[in-house]
Amino acid sequence: MLKRKTPKQKGKFSFTRFFQKFQPGDSVAVVRELSIPLGYSKRIQGRTGKVLEKRGSAYYIEIKDLHKPKRYLIKPIHLKRIEDVK
């Protein structure tokens, strides 16, 4: 897991990821953008969950942690859409 960006990439982020949209029920993975603070523990990095709803500019995500559902409010730059396996 990366802890910092290279000096050339420091402070830069993708506008595409910043403005991405999700629908309730979409599966997403938490992928931290290192130049923007996440506000939660590093242990949710890489976890997958479902989008419950949009609140302001962030999304309410439900992630299972030790078989218990936990809910986080995460900005879209820290999320990556994943395809459901059927």
C-alpha atoms as a PDB file:
ATOM      1  CA  MET A   1       0.000   0.000   0.000  1.00  0.00           C
ATOM      2  CA  LEU A   2       1.338   3.389  -0.934  1.00  0.00           C
ATOM      3  CA  LYS A   3       2.033   5.836   1.857  1.00  0.00           C
ATOM      4  CA  ARG A   4       3.010   8.838  -0.247  1.00  0.00           C
ATOM      5  CA  LYS A   5       3.141  10.044  -3.807  1.00  0.00           C
ATOM      6  CA  THR A   6       6.250  10.683  -5.832  1.00  0.00           C
ATOM      7  CA  PRO A   7       7.447  14.313  -5.833  1.00  0.00           C
ATOM      8  CA  LYS A   8       6.165  14.875  -9.415  1.00  0.00           C
ATOM      9  CA  GLN A   9       2.683  13.545  -8.559  1.00  0.00           C
ATOM     10  CA  LYS A  10       2.352  15.288  -5.185  1.00  0.00           C
ATOM     11  CA  GLY A  11      -0.843  17.340  -4.904  1.00  0.00           C
ATOM     12  CA  LYS A  12      -2.294  16.133  -8.223  1.00  0.00           C
ATOM     13  CA  PHE A  13      -5.509  14.157  -8.579  1.00  0.00           C
ATOM     14  CA  SER A  14      -7.826  13.005 -11.350  1.00  0.00           C
ATOM     15  CA  PHE A  15     -10.821  15.223 -12.158  1.00  0.00           C
ATOM     16  CA  THR A  16     -12.551  12.186 -13.672  1.00  0.00           C
ATOM     17  CA  ARG A  17     -12.449  10.377 -10.327  1.00  0.00           C
ATOM     18  CA  PHE A  18     -13.390  13.571  -8.447  1.00  0.00           C
ATOM     19  CA  PHE A  19     -16.623  14.045 -10.427  1.00  0.00           C
ATOM     20  CA  GLN A  20     -17.670  10.399 -10.925  1.00  0.00           C
ATOM     21  CA  LYS A  21     -21.291   9.459 -10.182  1.00  0.00           C
ATOM     22  CA  PHE A  22     -22.713   6.363  -8.521  1.00  0.00           C
ATOM     23  CA  GLN A  23     -26.231   4.976  -8.187  1.00  0.00           C
ATOM     24  CA  PRO A  24     -27.655   3.293  -5.063  1.00  0.00           C
ATOM     25  CA  GLY A  25     -26.782  -0.405  -5.202  1.00  0.00           C
ATOM     26  CA  ASP A  26     -23.491   0.036  -7.099  1.00  0.00           C
ATOM     27  CA  SER A  27     -20.538  -1.992  -5.849  1.00  0.00           C
ATOM     28  CA  VAL A  28     -17.483   0.117  -5.036  1.00  0.00           C
ATOM     29  CA  ALA A  29     -14.016  -0.361  -3.580  1.00  0.00           C
ATOM     30  CA  VAL A  30     -12.292   2.143  -1.311  1.00  0.00           C
ATOM     31  CA  VAL A  31      -9.067   3.326  -2.984  1.00  0.00           C
ATOM     32  CA  ARG A  32      -7.473   6.214  -1.093  1.00  0.00           C
ATOM     33  CA  GLU A  33      -6.355   9.287  -3.000  1.00  0.00           C
ATOM     34  CA  LEU A  34      -3.183  10.189  -1.144  1.00  0.00           C
ATOM     35  CA  SER A  35      -3.260  13.924  -1.893  1.00  0.00           C
ATOM     36  CA  ILE A  36      -6.702  14.353  -0.228  1.00  0.00           C
ATOM     37  CA  PRO A  37      -7.332  13.313   3.403  1.00  0.00           C
ATOM     38  CA  LEU A  38      -9.748  10.375   3.781  1.00  0.00           C
ATOM     39  CA  GLY A  39     -10.796  11.056   7.372  1.00  0.00           C
ATOM     40  CA  TYR A  40     -11.076   7.384   8.327  1.00  0.00           C
ATOM     41  CA  SER A  41      -8.744   4.600   9.387  1.00  0.00           C
ATOM     42  CA  LYS A  42      -6.363   3.137   6.800  1.00  0.00           C
ATOM     43  CA  ARG A  43      -7.920  -0.289   7.406  1.00  0.00           C
ATOM     44  CA  ILE A  44     -10.840   0.443   5.073  1.00  0.00           C
ATOM     45  CA  GLN A  45      -8.384   0.779   2.151  1.00  0.00           C
ATOM     46  CA  GLY A  46      -9.255  -1.902  -0.414  1.00  0.00           C
ATOM     47  CA  ARG A  47     -12.554  -2.905   1.189  1.00  0.00           C
ATOM     48  CA  THR A  48     -15.614  -3.303  -1.011  1.00  0.00           C
ATOM     49  CA  GLY A  49     -19.179  -2.327  -0.290  1.00  0.00           C
ATOM     50  CA  LYS A  50     -22.463  -1.039  -1.677  1.00  0.00           C
ATOM     51  CA  VAL A  51     -23.591   2.528  -2.253  1.00  0.00           C
ATOM     52  CA  LEU A  52     -26.646   3.275  -0.123  1.00  0.00           C
ATOM     53  CA  GLU A  53     -27.325   6.902  -1.021  1.00  0.00           C
ATOM     54  CA  LYS A  54     -25.796  10.235  -1.917  1.00  0.00           C
ATOM     55  CA  ARG A  55     -25.447  12.879   0.797  1.00  0.00           C
ATOM     56  CA  GLY A  56     -24.262  16.228  -0.472  1.00  0.00           C
ATOM     57  CA  SER A  57     -21.139  15.609  -2.548  1.00  0.00           C
ATOM     58  CA  ALA A  58     -20.286  12.316  -0.771  1.00  0.00           C
ATOM     59  CA  TYR A  59     -21.748   8.809  -0.825  1.00  0.00           C
ATOM     60  CA  TYR A  60     -22.996   6.691   2.071  1.00  0.00           C
ATOM     61  CA  ILE A  61     -21.260   3.293   1.729  1.00  0.00           C
ATOM     62  CA  GLU A  62     -22.001   0.070   3.624  1.00  0.00           C
ATOM     63  CA  ILE A  63     -18.914  -2.107   4.201  1.00  0.00           C
ATOM     64  CA  LYS A  64     -18.872  -5.395   6.096  1.00  0.00           C
ATOM     65  CA  ASP A  65     -16.236  -5.487   8.821  1.00  0.00           C
ATOM     66  CA  LEU A  66     -15.931  -8.784  10.705  1.00  0.00           C
ATOM     67  CA  HIS A  67     -19.421  -9.825   9.462  1.00  0.00           C
ATOM     68  CA  LYS A  68     -20.986  -6.610  10.779  1.00  0.00           C
ATOM     69  CA  PRO A  69     -22.201  -3.932   8.364  1.00  0.00           C
ATOM     70  CA  LYS A  70     -20.626  -0.524   8.959  1.00  0.00           C
ATOM     71  CA  ARG A  71     -21.528   2.688   7.170  1.00  0.00           C
ATOM     72  CA  TYR A  72     -19.121   5.365   6.014  1.00  0.00           C
ATOM     73  CA  LEU A  73     -19.596   8.716   4.294  1.00  0.00           C
ATOM     74  CA  ILE A  74     -16.877   8.858   1.620  1.00  0.00           C
ATOM     75  CA  LYS A  75     -16.166  11.360  -1.164  1.00  0.00           C
ATOM     76  CA  PRO A  76     -16.191   9.907  -4.711  1.00  0.00           C
ATOM     77  CA  ILE A  77     -12.463  10.521  -5.316  1.00  0.00           C
ATOM     78  CA  HIS A  78     -11.723   7.711  -2.828  1.00  0.00           C
ATOM     79  CA  LEU A  79     -14.111   5.243  -4.547  1.00  0.00           C
ATOM     80  CA  LYS A  80     -13.709   2.957  -7.559  1.00  0.00           C
ATOM     81  CA  ARG A  81     -16.602   1.200  -9.270  1.00  0.00           C
ATOM     82  CA  ILE A  82     -16.294  -2.594  -9.457  1.00  0.00           C
ATOM     83  CA  GLU A  83     -18.308  -4.979 -11.575  1.00  0.00           C
ATOM     84  CA  ASP A  84     -20.595  -7.484  -9.861  1.00  0.00           C
ATOM     85  CA  VAL A  85     -19.612 -11.111 -10.409  1.00  0.00           C
ATOM     86  CA  LYS A  86     -22.658 -13.082 -11.568  1.00  0.00           C
END
